[in-house]
Amino acid sequence: MDFQTSVKTCLTQKYATFAGRASRSEYWWFMLAYVIGALIVSFLGWIVYMLYVLALIVPATAAGWRRLQDTGRPGWYILIPVGFSLLSMLLTPAPVVDPTAPGGMGGMGLMAILGIVQLILAIVYIYWLTRPSEPETNAYGPPPQA
């Protein structure tokens, strides 16, 4: 599956489809488009970026869900890093101007802990999402069309 087909499939045909399987190329081309879009939109301001994330959280989650199922893992596992990322975005305090001010180090400690957990999750999930597809039909359906 090429770049354009992957983006079209994830945004129009399978926007909120959590059933079935997604090939590596479908998932990774869509994620590349998502990241490029996020970088561009981030220059337009925080509110526009948040709207972008909210608009694409469903298809990105669905693509990850289907990709995990393609490797034989339960798709709901993708909710762990997605949920943790959303929780981290809400819990991360505003930047501290003066780290020596009272309470400034607590926010930095929280950010450090959240960052370490996110790094560990990212390593595990990148490993899982890069695994080859199961060549035969598994519990989640037949192999996707590459």
C-alpha atoms as a PDB file:
ATOM      1  CA  MET A   1       0.000   0.000   0.000  1.00  0.00           C
ATOM      2  CA  ASP A   2       1.401   3.405  -0.932  1.00  0.00           C
ATOM      3  CA  PHE A   3       1.264   6.730   0.942  1.00  0.00           C
ATOM      4  CA  GLN A   4      -1.863   8.164  -0.703  1.00  0.00           C
ATOM      5  CA  THR A   5      -3.832   4.929  -0.557  1.00  0.00           C
ATOM      6  CA  SER A   6      -2.981   4.484   3.108  1.00  0.00           C
ATOM      7  CA  VAL A   7      -4.073   8.000   4.069  1.00  0.00           C
ATOM      8  CA  LYS A   8      -7.258   7.714   2.004  1.00  0.00           C
ATOM      9  CA  THR A   9      -8.069   4.308   3.524  1.00  0.00           C
ATOM     10  CA  CYS A  10      -7.552   5.445   7.109  1.00  0.00           C
ATOM     11  CA  LEU A  11      -9.385   8.766   6.750  1.00  0.00           C
ATOM     12  CA  THR A  12     -12.340   7.785   4.566  1.00  0.00           C
ATOM     13  CA  GLN A  13     -12.921   4.049   4.323  1.00  0.00           C
ATOM     14  CA  LYS A  14     -11.816   2.990   7.822  1.00  0.00           C
ATOM     15  CA  TYR A  15     -12.071   6.228   9.873  1.00  0.00           C
ATOM     16  CA  ALA A  16     -13.549   4.477  12.923  1.00  0.00           C
ATOM     17  CA  THR A  17     -13.195   0.818  11.916  1.00  0.00           C
ATOM     18  CA  PHE A  18     -11.698  -1.217  14.730  1.00  0.00           C
ATOM     19  CA  ALA A  19     -12.445  -4.630  13.214  1.00  0.00           C
ATOM     20  CA  GLY A  20     -10.042  -6.415  10.932  1.00  0.00           C
ATOM     21  CA  ARG A  21      -6.354  -5.974  10.315  1.00  0.00           C
ATOM     22  CA  ALA A  22      -4.024  -3.275   8.953  1.00  0.00           C
ATOM     23  CA  SER A  23      -0.785  -3.984   7.128  1.00  0.00           C
ATOM     24  CA  ARG A  24       2.480  -2.411   8.221  1.00  0.00           C
ATOM     25  CA  SER A  25       2.490  -0.127   5.202  1.00  0.00           C
ATOM     26  CA  GLU A  26      -1.076   1.076   5.837  1.00  0.00           C
ATOM     27  CA  TYR A  27      -0.299   1.930   9.453  1.00  0.00           C
ATOM     28  CA  TRP A  28       3.146   3.479   9.028  1.00  0.00           C
ATOM     29  CA  TRP A  29       2.283   5.588   5.955  1.00  0.00           C
ATOM     30  CA  PHE A  30      -0.740   6.942   7.814  1.00  0.00           C
ATOM     31  CA  MET A  31       1.379   7.688  10.894  1.00  0.00           C
ATOM     32  CA  LEU A  32       3.903   9.532   8.718  1.00  0.00           C
ATOM     33  CA  ALA A  33       1.094  11.673   7.287  1.00  0.00           C
ATOM     34  CA  TYR A  34      -0.242  12.259  10.819  1.00  0.00           C
ATOM     35  CA  VAL A  35       3.145  13.410  12.137  1.00  0.00           C
ATOM     36  CA  ILE A  36       3.825  15.681   9.146  1.00  0.00           C
ATOM     37  CA  GLY A  37       0.367  17.210   9.559  1.00  0.00           C
ATOM     38  CA  ALA A  38       0.935  17.668  13.289  1.00  0.00           C
ATOM     39  CA  LEU A  39       4.244  19.453  12.676  1.00  0.00           C
ATOM     40  CA  ILE A  40       2.666  21.819  10.162  1.00  0.00           C
ATOM     41  CA  VAL A  41      -0.400  22.501  12.305  1.00  0.00           C
ATOM     42  CA  SER A  42       1.702  23.078  15.443  1.00  0.00           C
ATOM     43  CA  PHE A  43       3.005  26.289  13.880  1.00  0.00           C
ATOM     44  CA  LEU A  44      -0.556  27.629  13.684  1.00  0.00           C
ATOM     45  CA  GLY A  45      -1.083  27.647  17.433  1.00  0.00           C
ATOM     46  CA  TRP A  46      -2.044  25.452  20.341  1.00  0.00           C
ATOM     47  CA  ILE A  47      -5.802  25.557  19.708  1.00  0.00           C
ATOM     48  CA  VAL A  48      -5.462  24.536  16.048  1.00  0.00           C
ATOM     49  CA  TYR A  49      -3.084  21.747  17.063  1.00  0.00           C
ATOM     50  CA  MET A  50      -5.545  20.445  19.671  1.00  0.00           C
ATOM     51  CA  LEU A  51      -8.351  20.475  17.089  1.00  0.00           C
ATOM     52  CA  TYR A  52      -6.114  18.502  14.712  1.00  0.00           C
ATOM     53  CA  VAL A  53      -5.334  15.922  17.400  1.00  0.00           C
ATOM     54  CA  LEU A  54      -9.004  15.605  18.354  1.00  0.00           C
ATOM     55  CA  ALA A  55     -10.039  15.204  14.708  1.00  0.00           C
ATOM     56  CA  LEU A  56      -7.483  12.468  14.037  1.00  0.00           C
ATOM     57  CA  ILE A  57      -7.375  10.605  17.342  1.00  0.00           C
ATOM     58  CA  VAL A  58     -10.101   8.193  16.209  1.00  0.00           C
ATOM     59  CA  PRO A  59      -8.547   7.141  12.868  1.00  0.00           C
ATOM     60  CA  ALA A  60      -5.048   6.989  14.395  1.00  0.00           C
ATOM     61  CA  THR A  61      -6.312   4.804  17.237  1.00  0.00           C
ATOM     62  CA  ALA A  62      -8.314   2.628  14.841  1.00  0.00           C
ATOM     63  CA  ALA A  63      -5.284   2.118  12.587  1.00  0.00           C
ATOM     64  CA  GLY A  64      -3.142   1.137  15.579  1.00  0.00           C
ATOM     65  CA  TRP A  65      -5.921  -1.140  16.840  1.00  0.00           C
ATOM     66  CA  ARG A  66      -6.086  -2.945  13.478  1.00  0.00           C
ATOM     67  CA  ARG A  67      -2.272  -3.080  13.238  1.00  0.00           C
ATOM     68  CA  LEU A  68      -1.971  -4.796  16.629  1.00  0.00           C
ATOM     69  CA  GLN A  69      -4.654  -7.274  15.571  1.00  0.00           C
ATOM     70  CA  ASP A  70      -2.635  -7.954  12.431  1.00  0.00           C
ATOM     71  CA  THR A  71       0.252  -9.084  14.629  1.00  0.00           C
ATOM     72  CA  GLY A  72      -2.054 -11.300  16.709  1.00  0.00           C
ATOM     73  CA  ARG A  73      -2.353  -9.010  19.728  1.00  0.00           C
ATOM     74  CA  PRO A  74      -5.637  -7.615  21.075  1.00  0.00           C
ATOM     75  CA  GLY A  75      -6.356  -4.237  19.490  1.00  0.00           C
ATOM     76  CA  TRP A  76      -7.460  -2.626  22.740  1.00  0.00           C
ATOM     77  CA  TYR A  77      -3.809  -2.628  23.849  1.00  0.00           C
ATOM     78  CA  ILE A  78      -3.404   0.546  21.755  1.00  0.00           C
ATOM     79  CA  LEU A  79      -5.591   2.350  24.303  1.00  0.00           C
ATOM     80  CA  ILE A  80      -2.802   2.103  26.884  1.00  0.00           C
ATOM     81  CA  PRO A  81      -0.334   4.522  25.209  1.00  0.00           C
ATOM     82  CA  VAL A  82      -3.147   6.646  23.721  1.00  0.00           C
ATOM     83  CA  GLY A  83      -4.814   7.045  27.113  1.00  0.00           C
ATOM     84  CA  PHE A  84      -1.513   7.659  28.862  1.00  0.00           C
ATOM     85  CA  SER A  85      -0.564  10.332  26.326  1.00  0.00           C
ATOM     86  CA  LEU A  86      -3.881  12.123  26.787  1.00  0.00           C
ATOM     87  CA  LEU A  87      -3.533  11.878  30.566  1.00  0.00           C
ATOM     88  CA  SER A  88       0.017  13.242  30.370  1.00  0.00           C
ATOM     89  CA  MET A  89      -1.144  16.167  28.237  1.00  0.00           C
ATOM     90  CA  LEU A  90      -3.733  17.060  30.868  1.00  0.00           C
ATOM     91  CA  LEU A  91      -1.474  16.536  33.903  1.00  0.00           C
ATOM     92  CA  THR A  92       1.701  18.170  32.665  1.00  0.00           C
ATOM     93  CA  PRO A  93       1.999  21.526  34.378  1.00  0.00           C
ATOM     94  CA  ALA A  94       2.647  24.785  32.600  1.00  0.00           C
ATOM     95  CA  PRO A  95       6.335  25.610  32.041  1.00  0.00           C
ATOM     96  CA  VAL A  96       8.033  26.937  35.142  1.00  0.00           C
ATOM     97  CA  VAL A  97       9.806  30.232  34.607  1.00  0.00           C
ATOM     98  CA  ASP A  98      11.800  30.029  37.835  1.00  0.00           C
ATOM     99  CA  PRO A  99      12.657  26.437  38.819  1.00  0.00           C
ATOM    100  CA  THR A 100      13.835  27.643  42.255  1.00  0.00           C
ATOM    101  CA  ALA A 101      10.360  28.991  43.038  1.00  0.00           C
ATOM    102  CA  PRO A 102       8.347  26.985  45.590  1.00  0.00           C
ATOM    103  CA  GLY A 103       6.586  24.065  43.913  1.00  0.00           C
ATOM    104  CA  GLY A 104       8.662  24.314  40.736  1.00  0.00           C
ATOM    105  CA  MET A 105      10.561  21.083  41.262  1.00  0.00           C
ATOM    106  CA  GLY A 106       7.392  19.035  41.822  1.00  0.00           C
ATOM    107  CA  GLY A 107       6.215  19.832  38.319  1.00  0.00           C
ATOM    108  CA  MET A 108       9.592  18.907  36.898  1.00  0.00           C
ATOM    109  CA  GLY A 109       9.527  15.601  38.806  1.00  0.00           C
ATOM    110  CA  LEU A 110       6.086  14.779  37.446  1.00  0.00           C
ATOM    111  CA  MET A 111       7.228  15.586  33.922  1.00  0.00           C
ATOM    112  CA  ALA A 112      10.293  13.343  34.374  1.00  0.00           C
ATOM    113  CA  ILE A 113       8.227  10.387  35.603  1.00  0.00           C
ATOM    114  CA  LEU A 114       5.651  10.797  32.825  1.00  0.00           C
ATOM    115  CA  GLY A 115       8.455  11.061  30.272  1.00  0.00           C
ATOM    116  CA  ILE A 116      10.145   7.861  31.435  1.00  0.00           C
ATOM    117  CA  VAL A 117       6.871   5.913  31.362  1.00  0.00           C
ATOM    118  CA  GLN A 118       6.066   7.263  27.895  1.00  0.00           C
ATOM    119  CA  LEU A 119       9.537   6.291  26.653  1.00  0.00           C
ATOM    120  CA  ILE A 120       9.120   2.714  27.899  1.00  0.00           C
ATOM    121  CA  LEU A 121       5.631   2.498  26.340  1.00  0.00           C
ATOM    122  CA  ALA A 122       6.953   3.897  23.056  1.00  0.00           C
ATOM    123  CA  ILE A 123       9.715   1.288  22.847  1.00  0.00           C
ATOM    124  CA  VAL A 124       7.347  -1.608  23.556  1.00  0.00           C
ATOM    125  CA  TYR A 125       4.680  -0.405  21.118  1.00  0.00           C
ATOM    126  CA  ILE A 126       7.102   0.443  18.324  1.00  0.00           C
ATOM    127  CA  TYR A 127       8.440  -3.082  18.627  1.00  0.00           C
ATOM    128  CA  TRP A 128       4.929  -4.559  18.484  1.00  0.00           C
ATOM    129  CA  LEU A 129       3.773  -2.332  15.623  1.00  0.00           C
ATOM    130  CA  THR A 130       6.817  -3.148  13.477  1.00  0.00           C
ATOM    131  CA  ARG A 131       6.388  -6.921  13.728  1.00  0.00           C
ATOM    132  CA  PRO A 132       5.471  -8.743  10.507  1.00  0.00           C
ATOM    133  CA  SER A 133       1.857  -9.598   9.802  1.00  0.00           C
ATOM    134  CA  GLU A 134       0.642 -13.071  10.625  1.00  0.00           C
ATOM    135  CA  PRO A 135       0.541 -14.651   7.156  1.00  0.00           C
ATOM    136  CA  GLU A 136      -2.538 -16.761   7.787  1.00  0.00           C
ATOM    137  CA  THR A 137      -6.022 -15.855   8.998  1.00  0.00           C
ATOM    138  CA  ASN A 138      -5.968 -15.160  12.718  1.00  0.00           C
ATOM    139  CA  ALA A 139      -8.710 -14.474  15.284  1.00  0.00           C
ATOM    140  CA  TYR A 140      -9.176 -10.974  13.831  1.00  0.00           C
ATOM    141  CA  GLY A 141      -9.702 -11.924  10.208  1.00  0.00           C
ATOM    142  CA  PRO A 142      -7.837 -12.659   7.001  1.00  0.00           C
ATOM    143  CA  PRO A 143      -4.511 -10.974   6.194  1.00  0.00           C
ATOM    144  CA  PRO A 144      -4.854  -7.427   4.837  1.00  0.00           C
ATOM    145  CA  GLN A 145      -4.216  -6.620   1.214  1.00  0.00           C
ATOM    146  CA  ALA A 146      -0.668  -5.242   1.082  1.00  0.00           C
END
